[in-house]
Amino acid sequence: MLLTRAQRAGAVRADITTLDLVVLLKGLLRSVHEAAARPDLPGRLLAVLSDGLRPPP
């Protein structure tokens, strides 16, 4: 429901599915876990992920 509302508001690309988000977030969590020595990594990767979910201007 939250994804649908974000898509209707134009905040998230229309072609993103719930499964897409699950796979992306699992990958993000695994990457952050494996790179624990880099405290800047979680925020940076989340920003990159968020940018990619936005629709093009």
C-alpha atoms as a PDB file:
ATOM      1  CA  MET A   1       0.000   0.000   0.000  1.00  0.00           C
ATOM      2  CA  LEU A   2       2.809   2.447   0.851  1.00  0.00           C
ATOM      3  CA  LEU A   3       4.559   1.717  -2.450  1.00  0.00           C
ATOM      4  CA  THR A   4       1.337   2.311  -4.395  1.00  0.00           C
ATOM      5  CA  ARG A   5       0.745   5.604  -2.618  1.00  0.00           C
ATOM      6  CA  ALA A   6       4.307   6.734  -3.325  1.00  0.00           C
ATOM      7  CA  GLN A   7       3.911   5.807  -6.986  1.00  0.00           C
ATOM      8  CA  ARG A   8       0.602   7.682  -7.262  1.00  0.00           C
ATOM      9  CA  ALA A   9       2.245  10.725  -5.679  1.00  0.00           C
ATOM     10  CA  GLY A  10       5.034  10.548  -8.257  1.00  0.00           C
ATOM     11  CA  ALA A  11       7.716   9.886  -5.639  1.00  0.00           C
ATOM     12  CA  VAL A  12       8.596   6.380  -6.871  1.00  0.00           C
ATOM     13  CA  ARG A  13       8.901   5.019 -10.390  1.00  0.00           C
ATOM     14  CA  ALA A  14       5.740   3.326 -11.628  1.00  0.00           C
ATOM     15  CA  ASP A  15       7.592   0.178 -12.709  1.00  0.00           C
ATOM     16  CA  ILE A  16       8.964  -0.649  -9.231  1.00  0.00           C
ATOM     17  CA  THR A  17       7.369  -3.674  -7.561  1.00  0.00           C
ATOM     18  CA  THR A  18       7.339  -4.869  -3.970  1.00  0.00           C
ATOM     19  CA  LEU A  19       9.624  -7.728  -4.990  1.00  0.00           C
ATOM     20  CA  ASP A  20      12.064  -5.195  -6.485  1.00  0.00           C
ATOM     21  CA  LEU A  21      12.226  -3.399  -3.139  1.00  0.00           C
ATOM     22  CA  VAL A  22      12.706  -6.606  -1.161  1.00  0.00           C
ATOM     23  CA  VAL A  23      15.581  -7.735  -3.399  1.00  0.00           C
ATOM     24  CA  LEU A  24      17.226  -4.292  -3.356  1.00  0.00           C
ATOM     25  CA  LEU A  25      16.971  -3.928   0.409  1.00  0.00           C
ATOM     26  CA  LYS A  26      18.313  -7.446   1.023  1.00  0.00           C
ATOM     27  CA  GLY A  27      21.286  -6.654  -1.180  1.00  0.00           C
ATOM     28  CA  LEU A  28      21.831  -3.350   0.592  1.00  0.00           C
ATOM     29  CA  LEU A  29      21.752  -5.002   4.026  1.00  0.00           C
ATOM     30  CA  ARG A  30      24.176  -7.707   2.945  1.00  0.00           C
ATOM     31  CA  SER A  31      26.566  -5.150   1.463  1.00  0.00           C
ATOM     32  CA  VAL A  32      26.503  -3.039   4.607  1.00  0.00           C
ATOM     33  CA  HIS A  33      27.079  -6.093   6.790  1.00  0.00           C
ATOM     34  CA  GLU A  34      30.076  -7.186   4.716  1.00  0.00           C
ATOM     35  CA  ALA A  35      31.615  -3.700   4.758  1.00  0.00           C
ATOM     36  CA  ALA A  36      31.208  -3.033   8.486  1.00  0.00           C
ATOM     37  CA  ALA A  37      34.538  -1.178   8.587  1.00  0.00           C
ATOM     38  CA  ARG A  38      33.049   1.623   6.472  1.00  0.00           C
ATOM     39  CA  PRO A  39      30.666   3.629   8.700  1.00  0.00           C
ATOM     40  CA  ASP A  40      29.763   5.962   5.809  1.00  0.00           C
ATOM     41  CA  LEU A  41      28.604   3.115   3.584  1.00  0.00           C
ATOM     42  CA  PRO A  42      25.011   2.527   4.806  1.00  0.00           C
ATOM     43  CA  GLY A  43      23.913   6.135   4.297  1.00  0.00           C
ATOM     44  CA  ARG A  44      25.698   6.466   0.971  1.00  0.00           C
ATOM     45  CA  LEU A  45      24.250   3.247  -0.447  1.00  0.00           C
ATOM     46  CA  LEU A  46      20.758   4.120   0.768  1.00  0.00           C
ATOM     47  CA  ALA A  47      21.041   7.512  -0.961  1.00  0.00           C
ATOM     48  CA  VAL A  48      22.088   5.840  -4.219  1.00  0.00           C
ATOM     49  CA  LEU A  49      19.212   3.370  -3.919  1.00  0.00           C
ATOM     50  CA  SER A  50      16.707   6.142  -3.181  1.00  0.00           C
ATOM     51  CA  ASP A  51      17.902   8.188  -6.160  1.00  0.00           C
ATOM     52  CA  GLY A  52      17.405   5.187  -8.420  1.00  0.00           C
ATOM     53  CA  LEU A  53      13.808   4.678  -7.267  1.00  0.00           C
ATOM     54  CA  ARG A  54      12.753   8.212  -8.177  1.00  0.00           C
ATOM     55  CA  PRO A  55      11.094   8.749 -11.527  1.00  0.00           C
ATOM     56  CA  PRO A  56      13.081  10.687 -14.150  1.00  0.00           C
ATOM     57  CA  PRO A  57      12.396  14.441 -14.274  1.00  0.00           C
END
